[in-house]
C-alpha cells in the first residue's frame, strides 16, 4: 500500500502524526514506513526532506527519504533496531529551513523554465535542485545576456505580483484544457502546479503557495553541456547569501584600491593597463640585460682544449624566464655550453643548460647522470635541459662547476 503524501495537500505542514506500518530496510539501510507522511522523498530533481520522528520517548533522525516503485515512502535512519515501533504512533517534524528552501528553488525553477520558453523558445529538458545551486538544462543553441536579463526580470515581476500557486489534480478532461508547458510523465493521479496566469506544469514536488514566498531569483551563469545550455540559478535565502558573499568580496577589493565599490571595475582596468605597460618595460629591460650579460659571460669564459666554451653563469636574483633567455643567448654562439643558474627563496639552484649548434654535449644526459649524483632533479633534451640543484651544492669549485661538461658527457 502506498504512503499517503501529506506534502501534496499542504507544503507548510511540517509537524504531523502518523502510524508506523513497519520498521524494515531499504537498500541495506534501516527504514521506517508510515501510513502517511509530510516528508518529501527525493525525486523529480528535488532533494529529500530531513527531520526527526519522535516515538516512545526517543528521537529518530531522518537523514534521507526515498520512495520505491510501489509508492511506499521510506524514512531512512542510522538505526532503528532498539525501537519496537511497529503499529506505534509517531510525531514527525520536517526541517523547516530545508523544506522552505526546496519550495523556493522548485517554484523558481518552474518560473524560470516558463520565462525562458517565452523569451528564448528554450525548452527545459531537465532540472536539478542541488544543495547549493540549482540548474536547468535547456534545448537551445545559445542564450544571450539580453534574453537572460529579460527572463530574470519577468520571473521577479511575477514574484512581486504575489500570485497564487495552486496544486491541482485535474481529471483527464480538465487536463486536456490546461496549457501544460510539458506533458506529464505518469498516466494516473497527475498533479499540476499552476502559477496563476503564468505556468502550468505536471510536478510532484513541494512548492510555495504564493509567488512572493519564492523570494528573489538570480541567474548565476550559463554553460554548454552535452549539446544543451545549462543555466545555474539561486533563489530565496540562497540569493541573499550569494549577494552578501559577492558584496563582501567587492567591498574588500574597494578597500584595496581605496575606491568605492562601484569604481572597482575602473580601478581594475587601470591596474590591467599598468600591468601591461610594466610587462612591456620588463621585456625591454630583460632583452638589454640578457644581451649585455651574455657578452660579459662569454668574454670571461675561454674555450677548453676541445674548442668548447663552457659558461657557468651565476645570476642569483634573476627569475626563471630571464635564466632561460640568458642560456639561449649564450648558446647562440655555436661552440658554447651555457649553464645558467640562480638561487631561489629556498636556497636551491634553478639551473638552465643549453648548448650551441656545434657543441658536442648532451644537456639532458648531463642533468640525469652527473648532476643527479648530488641530488638534483630535472632533465630535458640533448640541446636543452633544466631543473633544481640542492642548496648545499656550491656553484663553483667542487660544486656545479666541477660537474660541468667533460669528455664523458659529450
Protein backbone atom coordinates (compact mmCIF):
# COMPACT_ATOMS: atom_id res chain seq x y z
CA UNK A 1 0.00 0.00 0.00
CA UNK A 2 1.43 3.38 -0.99
CA UNK A 3 2.08 6.07 1.59
CA UNK A 4 -0.35 8.98 1.89
CA UNK A 5 1.51 12.13 0.79
CA UNK A 6 0.56 14.98 3.11
CA UNK A 7 3.05 17.33 1.42
CA UNK A 8 0.84 17.42 -1.68
CA UNK A 9 -2.06 18.83 0.32
CA UNK A 10 -0.13 21.37 2.39
CA UNK A 11 3.57 22.11 1.81
CA UNK A 12 3.63 24.08 5.09
CA UNK A 13 2.52 21.07 7.13
CA UNK A 14 5.81 20.43 8.92
CA UNK A 15 4.61 18.61 12.06
CA UNK A 16 2.27 15.64 11.76
CA UNK A 17 1.06 12.49 13.46
CA UNK A 18 1.26 9.09 11.76
CA UNK A 19 1.18 5.37 12.45
CA UNK A 20 4.21 3.14 11.90
CA UNK A 21 3.41 0.45 9.34
CA UNK A 22 6.73 -1.34 9.64
CA UNK A 23 10.40 -0.99 10.56
CA UNK A 24 12.29 -2.55 7.66
CA UNK A 25 15.27 -1.99 5.36
CA UNK A 26 15.59 -0.18 2.07
CA UNK A 27 18.68 -0.99 0.02
CA UNK A 28 20.55 -2.10 3.14
CA UNK A 29 19.62 0.89 5.29
CA UNK A 30 17.18 0.91 8.25
CA UNK A 31 13.83 2.30 7.15
CA UNK A 32 10.64 3.41 8.88
CA UNK A 33 7.44 3.17 6.81
CA UNK A 34 4.47 5.29 7.94
CA UNK A 35 0.85 5.21 6.85
CA UNK A 36 1.16 8.89 5.91
CA UNK A 37 3.95 11.45 5.85
CA UNK A 38 4.82 15.08 5.31
CA UNK A 39 8.42 14.12 4.46
CA UNK A 40 9.09 14.60 0.74
CA UNK A 41 11.13 11.75 -0.83
CA UNK A 42 13.92 12.53 -3.28
CA UNK A 43 12.61 12.69 -6.82
CA UNK A 44 11.84 14.91 -9.77
CA UNK A 45 15.20 16.64 -9.43
CA UNK A 46 14.42 17.68 -5.84
CA UNK A 47 16.37 16.56 -2.78
CA UNK A 48 14.62 14.79 0.09
CA UNK A 49 13.40 16.38 3.29
CA UNK A 50 15.18 15.64 6.57
CA UNK A 51 14.00 15.91 10.18
CA UNK A 52 13.02 13.69 13.10
CA UNK A 53 10.45 11.12 14.20
CA UNK A 54 9.51 11.22 17.87
CA UNK A 55 8.46 7.81 19.14
CA UNK A 56 8.30 6.07 22.52
CA UNK A 57 10.25 8.77 24.32
CA UNK A 58 13.05 8.59 21.74
CA UNK A 59 14.03 10.56 18.67
CA UNK A 60 14.94 9.08 15.31
CA UNK A 61 16.95 11.33 12.99
CA UNK A 62 15.65 11.14 9.41
CA UNK A 63 18.69 11.71 7.18
CA UNK A 64 17.12 10.72 3.86
CA UNK A 65 13.72 9.86 2.41
CA UNK A 66 13.18 7.63 -0.65
CA UNK A 67 10.18 6.21 -2.48
CA UNK A 68 10.01 2.73 -4.01
CA UNK A 69 8.23 1.51 -7.15
CA UNK A 70 5.08 0.70 -5.15
CA UNK A 71 4.77 4.26 -3.89
CA UNK A 72 5.93 3.34 -0.38
CA UNK A 73 7.97 6.10 1.26
CA UNK A 74 10.99 5.02 3.30
CA UNK A 75 12.25 7.25 6.11
CA UNK A 76 15.92 6.27 6.40
CA UNK A 77 17.60 6.32 9.81
CA UNK A 78 21.01 5.33 11.19
CA UNK A 79 19.50 2.60 13.34
CA UNK A 80 16.01 1.53 14.33
CA UNK A 81 16.76 -1.85 15.93
CA UNK A 82 16.36 -0.65 19.52
CA UNK A 83 12.86 0.70 18.89
CA UNK A 84 9.87 -1.64 18.93
CA UNK A 85 7.79 0.80 16.98
CA UNK A 86 5.57 -1.19 14.61
CA UNK A 87 1.96 0.00 14.90
CA UNK A 88 3.01 2.83 17.21
CA UNK A 89 2.01 6.43 16.70
CA UNK A 90 4.84 8.83 15.93
CA UNK A 91 5.21 12.58 15.58
CA UNK A 92 7.11 13.68 12.50
CA UNK A 93 8.90 17.01 12.32
CA UNK A 94 10.25 18.21 8.96
CA UNK A 95 13.29 20.51 8.91
CA UNK A 96 11.65 23.89 8.27
CA UNK A 97 14.59 25.75 6.71
CA UNK A 98 15.41 22.94 4.27
CA UNK A 99 11.76 22.50 3.22
CA UNK A 100 11.23 26.19 2.59
CA UNK A 101 14.49 26.37 0.66
CA UNK A 102 13.40 23.47 -1.55
CA UNK A 103 9.97 25.07 -2.10
CA UNK A 104 11.64 28.31 -3.18
CA UNK A 105 14.09 26.60 -5.56
CA UNK A 106 11.43 24.37 -7.15
CA UNK A 107 8.87 27.12 -7.74
CA UNK A 108 11.65 29.39 -9.04
CA UNK A 109 12.68 26.63 -11.47
CA UNK A 110 9.14 26.39 -12.86
CA UNK A 111 9.00 30.15 -13.30
CA UNK A 112 12.40 30.34 -14.99
CA UNK A 113 11.54 27.43 -17.29
CA UNK A 114 8.35 29.22 -18.39
CA UNK A 115 10.08 32.58 -18.78
CA UNK A 116 12.93 31.10 -20.85
CA UNK A 117 10.43 29.29 -23.07
CA UNK A 118 8.52 32.53 -23.65
CA UNK A 119 11.58 34.76 -24.09
CA UNK A 120 14.03 32.49 -25.95
CA UNK A 121 12.00 29.45 -27.05
CA UNK A 122 14.30 27.47 -24.74
CA UNK A 123 12.66 24.19 -23.74
CA UNK A 124 13.56 22.68 -20.36
CA UNK A 125 14.95 19.16 -20.79
CA UNK A 126 15.77 18.52 -17.13
CA UNK A 127 16.37 20.33 -13.86
CA UNK A 128 18.37 19.59 -10.73
CA UNK A 129 17.73 21.35 -7.44
CA UNK A 130 21.04 21.00 -5.61
CA UNK A 131 22.05 21.77 -2.05
CA UNK A 132 23.99 24.92 -3.07
CA UNK A 133 22.76 25.91 -6.53
CA UNK A 134 20.10 24.67 -8.93
CA UNK A 135 20.44 24.00 -12.66
CA UNK A 136 18.16 23.84 -15.69
CA UNK A 137 19.28 22.09 -18.88
CA UNK A 138 17.77 23.82 -21.90
CA UNK A 139 17.31 22.78 -25.51
CA UNK A 140 18.57 25.93 -27.19
CA UNK A 141 21.61 26.92 -29.22
CA UNK A 142 22.57 29.98 -27.23
CA UNK A 143 21.13 32.30 -24.60
CA UNK A 144 22.13 35.94 -24.90
CA UNK A 145 22.70 38.22 -21.93
CA UNK A 146 19.67 40.23 -23.04
CA UNK A 147 17.45 37.13 -23.04
CA UNK A 148 18.70 36.08 -19.61
CA UNK A 149 18.01 39.54 -18.19
CA UNK A 150 14.55 39.60 -19.76
CA UNK A 151 13.69 36.17 -18.34
CA UNK A 152 15.05 37.02 -14.89
CA UNK A 153 13.14 40.31 -14.83
CA UNK A 154 9.92 38.56 -15.86
CA UNK A 155 10.27 35.99 -13.07
CA UNK A 156 10.92 38.61 -10.42
CA UNK A 157 7.95 40.68 -11.60
CA UNK A 158 5.71 37.62 -11.18
CA UNK A 159 7.17 37.22 -7.67
CA UNK A 160 6.42 40.86 -6.82
CA UNK A 161 2.84 40.30 -8.06
CA UNK A 162 2.31 37.81 -5.20
CA UNK A 163 0.34 35.47 -7.44
CA UNK A 164 -1.25 32.30 -6.04
CA UNK A 165 0.44 28.95 -6.72
CA UNK A 166 -2.04 26.07 -6.75
CA UNK A 167 -1.69 22.30 -6.58
CA UNK A 168 -4.24 20.71 -8.93
CA UNK A 169 -5.33 17.12 -9.52
CA UNK A 170 -7.31 17.57 -12.75
CA UNK A 171 -9.42 14.96 -14.48
CA UNK A 172 -8.37 13.88 -17.96
CA UNK A 173 -10.93 16.24 -19.43
CA UNK A 174 -9.79 19.15 -17.26
CA UNK A 175 -6.15 18.47 -18.05
CA UNK A 176 -6.83 18.49 -21.79
CA UNK A 177 -7.87 22.13 -21.43
CA UNK A 178 -4.81 23.20 -19.43
CA UNK A 179 -1.92 24.93 -21.29
CA UNK A 180 0.70 22.49 -19.97
CA UNK A 181 4.31 23.53 -20.50
CA UNK A 182 5.26 19.86 -20.86
CA UNK A 183 3.35 16.56 -20.94
CA UNK A 184 3.02 14.52 -17.72
CA UNK A 185 5.38 11.60 -17.06
CA UNK A 186 2.66 9.48 -15.43
CA UNK A 187 -0.77 8.45 -16.65
CA UNK A 188 -2.74 8.44 -13.39
CA UNK A 189 -3.06 10.82 -10.45
CA UNK A 190 -1.36 13.60 -12.37
CA UNK A 191 -0.60 16.63 -10.20
CA UNK A 192 -0.25 20.01 -11.89
CA UNK A 193 1.37 23.10 -10.37
CA UNK A 194 -0.42 26.24 -11.53
CA UNK A 195 1.27 29.62 -11.20
CA UNK A 196 -1.66 31.92 -11.69
CA UNK A 197 -1.84 33.26 -15.23
CA UNK A 198 1.72 32.21 -15.99
CA UNK A 199 2.57 28.50 -15.96
CA UNK A 200 1.04 25.02 -15.72
CA UNK A 201 3.38 22.08 -15.30
CA UNK A 202 2.96 18.48 -14.06
CA UNK A 203 5.03 18.04 -10.89
CA UNK A 204 5.09 16.04 -7.68
CA UNK A 205 7.42 18.32 -5.72
CA UNK A 206 6.87 20.77 -2.88
CA UNK A 207 6.10 24.33 -3.91
CA UNK A 208 5.33 27.73 -2.48
CA UNK A 209 1.66 28.69 -2.25
CA UNK A 210 2.25 32.26 -3.44
CA UNK A 211 4.98 33.59 -5.71
CA UNK A 212 6.14 36.14 -3.12
CA UNK A 213 7.29 33.22 -0.92
CA UNK A 214 9.95 32.36 -3.53
CA UNK A 215 12.00 35.45 -2.75
CA UNK A 216 14.40 36.97 -5.30
CA UNK A 217 15.64 34.84 -8.21
CA UNK A 218 19.03 35.36 -9.86
CA UNK A 219 20.73 33.60 -12.78
CA UNK A 220 24.38 32.97 -11.90
CA UNK A 221 25.76 31.64 -15.20
CA UNK A 222 25.21 29.50 -18.28
CA UNK A 223 27.46 26.93 -19.94
CA UNK A 224 27.41 24.41 -22.77
CA UNK A 225 26.57 20.91 -21.53
CA UNK A 226 26.12 17.80 -23.69
CA UNK A 227 24.66 19.73 -26.61
CA UNK A 228 22.40 21.77 -24.32
CA UNK A 229 22.74 25.00 -22.37
CA UNK A 230 22.95 24.56 -18.60
CA UNK A 231 21.68 27.50 -16.58
CA UNK A 232 22.62 27.85 -12.90
CA UNK A 233 20.45 29.91 -10.56
CA UNK A 234 19.67 30.66 -6.92
CA UNK A 235 16.56 31.92 -5.19
CA UNK A 236 15.28 32.96 -1.78
CA UNK A 237 17.85 32.81 1.04
CA UNK A 238 20.45 31.45 -1.36
CA UNK A 239 20.09 34.60 -3.45
CA UNK A 240 20.64 36.72 -0.34
CA UNK A 241 23.69 34.65 0.65
CA UNK A 242 25.11 34.96 -2.87
CA UNK A 243 24.61 38.72 -2.78
CA UNK A 244 26.28 39.03 0.62
CA UNK A 245 29.30 36.96 -0.44
CA UNK A 246 29.79 38.98 -3.62
CA UNK A 247 29.20 42.27 -1.82
CA UNK A 248 31.84 41.36 0.78
CA UNK A 249 34.31 40.47 -1.98
CA UNK A 250 33.58 43.70 -3.84
CA UNK A 251 33.98 45.82 -0.71
CA UNK A 252 37.26 44.06 0.09
CA UNK A 253 38.59 44.95 -3.37
CA UNK A 254 37.29 48.51 -2.97
CA UNK A 255 39.31 48.88 0.24
CA UNK A 256 42.37 47.50 -1.51
CA UNK A 257 42.02 50.04 -4.33
CA UNK A 258 40.87 52.81 -1.94
CA UNK A 259 37.81 53.48 -4.07
CA UNK A 260 34.05 52.98 -3.92
CA UNK A 261 32.59 49.51 -4.67
CA UNK A 262 31.15 50.70 -7.98
CA UNK A 263 34.57 52.06 -9.01
CA UNK A 264 36.37 48.71 -8.65
CA UNK A 265 35.87 47.86 -12.33
CA UNK A 266 37.58 51.09 -13.42
CA UNK A 267 40.37 50.50 -10.90
CA UNK A 268 40.91 47.00 -12.28
CA UNK A 269 41.05 48.39 -15.82
CA UNK A 270 43.75 50.85 -14.75
CA UNK A 271 45.68 48.11 -12.97
CA UNK A 272 45.48 45.89 -16.06
CA UNK A 273 46.75 48.73 -18.27
CA UNK A 274 49.56 49.48 -15.79
CA UNK A 275 50.50 45.79 -15.68
CA UNK A 276 50.61 45.62 -19.48
CA UNK A 277 52.87 48.68 -19.58
CA UNK A 278 55.10 47.21 -16.87
CA UNK A 279 55.29 43.93 -18.79
CA UNK A 280 56.46 45.78 -21.90
CA UNK A 281 59.04 47.69 -19.85
CA UNK A 282 60.22 44.47 -18.18
CA UNK A 283 60.56 42.80 -21.58
CA UNK A 284 62.58 45.76 -22.88
CA UNK A 285 64.89 45.71 -19.84
CA UNK A 286 65.27 41.91 -19.88
CA UNK A 287 66.34 41.92 -23.53
CA UNK A 288 69.04 44.51 -22.83
CA UNK A 289 70.22 42.78 -19.67
CA UNK A 290 70.39 39.38 -21.38
CA UNK A 291 72.36 40.76 -24.32
CA UNK A 292 74.88 42.52 -22.06
CA UNK A 293 75.17 39.58 -19.63
CA UNK A 294 75.72 37.07 -22.45
CA UNK A 295 78.52 39.19 -23.89
CA UNK A 296 80.08 39.59 -20.43
CA UNK A 297 79.99 35.88 -19.56
CA UNK A 298 81.26 34.78 -22.98
CA UNK A 299 84.15 37.24 -22.76
CA UNK A 300 85.09 35.80 -19.35
CA UNK A 301 84.91 32.14 -20.48
CA UNK A 302 87.75 30.93 -22.72
CA UNK A 303 87.27 27.74 -24.76
CA UNK A 304 88.76 24.48 -23.46
CA UNK A 305 91.20 22.23 -25.32
CA UNK A 306 88.38 20.69 -27.38
CA UNK A 307 87.15 24.10 -28.50
CA UNK A 308 84.03 24.08 -26.30
CA UNK A 309 83.28 27.29 -24.42
CA UNK A 310 81.73 26.39 -21.06
CA UNK A 311 79.92 29.32 -19.46
CA UNK A 312 78.99 28.95 -15.77
CA UNK A 313 76.76 31.96 -15.08
CA UNK A 314 75.52 32.60 -11.54
CA UNK A 315 72.76 35.19 -11.90
CA UNK A 316 71.12 34.90 -8.47
CA UNK A 317 68.27 37.41 -8.36
CA UNK A 318 67.09 36.65 -11.90
CA UNK A 319 63.79 34.83 -12.46
CA UNK A 320 63.42 31.64 -14.48
CA UNK A 321 62.30 33.50 -17.61
CA UNK A 322 65.49 35.56 -17.53
CA UNK A 323 67.66 32.48 -16.91
CA UNK A 324 66.15 30.76 -19.94
CA UNK A 325 66.66 33.83 -22.12
CA UNK A 326 70.28 34.18 -20.97
CA UNK A 327 71.06 30.50 -21.62
CA UNK A 328 69.56 30.85 -25.09
CA UNK A 329 71.61 34.00 -25.80
CA UNK A 330 74.87 32.37 -24.68
CA UNK A 331 74.14 29.21 -26.69
CA UNK A 332 73.59 31.31 -29.81
CA UNK A 333 77.36 31.03 -30.12
CA UNK A 334 77.87 27.69 -31.84
CA UNK A 335 80.69 26.38 -29.62
CA UNK A 336 79.14 27.43 -26.29
CA UNK A 337 77.56 25.39 -23.50
CA UNK A 338 75.59 27.61 -21.11
CA UNK A 339 74.99 26.52 -17.51
CA UNK A 340 72.94 29.37 -16.06
CA UNK A 341 71.58 29.38 -12.51
CA UNK A 342 70.20 31.38 -9.63
CA UNK A 343 69.33 30.60 -6.02
CA UNK A 344 65.61 30.87 -5.29
CA UNK A 345 63.90 31.77 -1.99
CA UNK A 346 64.50 28.26 -0.61
CA UNK A 347 68.23 28.45 -1.36
CA UNK A 348 68.09 25.78 -4.08
CA UNK A 349 69.54 26.47 -7.50
CA UNK A 350 67.31 26.87 -10.53
CA UNK A 351 69.54 25.74 -13.38
CA UNK A 352 69.07 26.00 -17.15
CA UNK A 353 71.51 24.28 -19.53
CA UNK A 354 71.64 24.91 -23.28
CA UNK A 355 74.25 24.06 -25.92
CA UNK A 356 75.34 25.76 -29.12
CA UNK A 357 74.77 24.15 -32.51
CA UNK A 358 78.34 22.75 -32.76
CA UNK A 359 78.93 21.87 -29.11
CA UNK A 360 79.15 18.11 -28.58
CA UNK A 361 77.25 17.91 -25.33
CA UNK A 362 74.04 16.18 -24.19
CA UNK A 363 72.32 18.53 -21.74
CA UNK A 364 69.59 16.07 -20.77
CA UNK A 365 72.00 13.23 -20.03
CA UNK A 366 74.31 15.54 -18.06
CA UNK A 367 71.40 16.50 -15.81
CA UNK A 368 70.17 12.94 -15.37
CA UNK A 369 73.57 11.36 -14.74
CA UNK A 370 76.23 13.70 -13.40
CA UNK A 371 74.14 16.40 -11.72
CA UNK A 372 71.68 13.83 -10.37
CA UNK A 373 74.56 12.43 -8.32
CA UNK A 374 74.31 15.45 -6.00
CA UNK A 375 70.54 15.20 -5.58
CA UNK A 376 69.44 17.38 -8.48
CA UNK A 377 66.03 16.94 -10.11
CA UNK A 378 65.49 17.74 -13.75
CA UNK A 379 66.10 16.72 -17.31
CA UNK A 380 65.35 17.62 -20.89
CA UNK A 381 66.55 17.17 -24.45
CA UNK A 382 70.10 16.87 -25.72
CA UNK A 383 70.19 20.55 -26.68
CA UNK A 384 68.44 21.93 -23.61
CA UNK A 385 67.58 20.89 -20.03
CA UNK A 386 66.65 22.45 -16.72
CA UNK A 387 65.96 21.56 -13.11
CA UNK A 388 66.76 22.19 -9.47
CA UNK A 389 70.02 21.58 -7.61
CA UNK A 390 70.08 21.37 -3.78
CA UNK A 391 71.12 24.45 -1.81
CA UNK A 392 74.08 22.56 -0.31
CA UNK A 393 75.81 22.41 -3.71
CA UNK A 394 78.08 25.36 -4.49
CA UNK A 395 78.17 26.98 -7.89
CA UNK A 396 81.93 26.97 -8.44
CA UNK A 397 84.90 24.99 -7.12
CA UNK A 398 83.85 21.46 -6.23
CA UNK A 399 80.19 22.28 -6.91
CA UNK A 400 78.27 22.66 -10.15
CA UNK A 401 81.34 23.88 -11.96
CA UNK A 402 83.12 20.66 -11.05
CA UNK A 403 80.27 18.72 -12.62
CA UNK A 404 80.46 20.72 -15.81
CA UNK A 405 80.86 19.25 -19.32
CA UNK A 406 83.56 16.61 -19.53
CA UNK A 407 84.51 14.22 -22.33
CA UNK A 408 82.20 11.63 -20.69
CA UNK A 409 79.16 13.87 -21.04
CA UNK A 410 79.59 14.81 -24.68
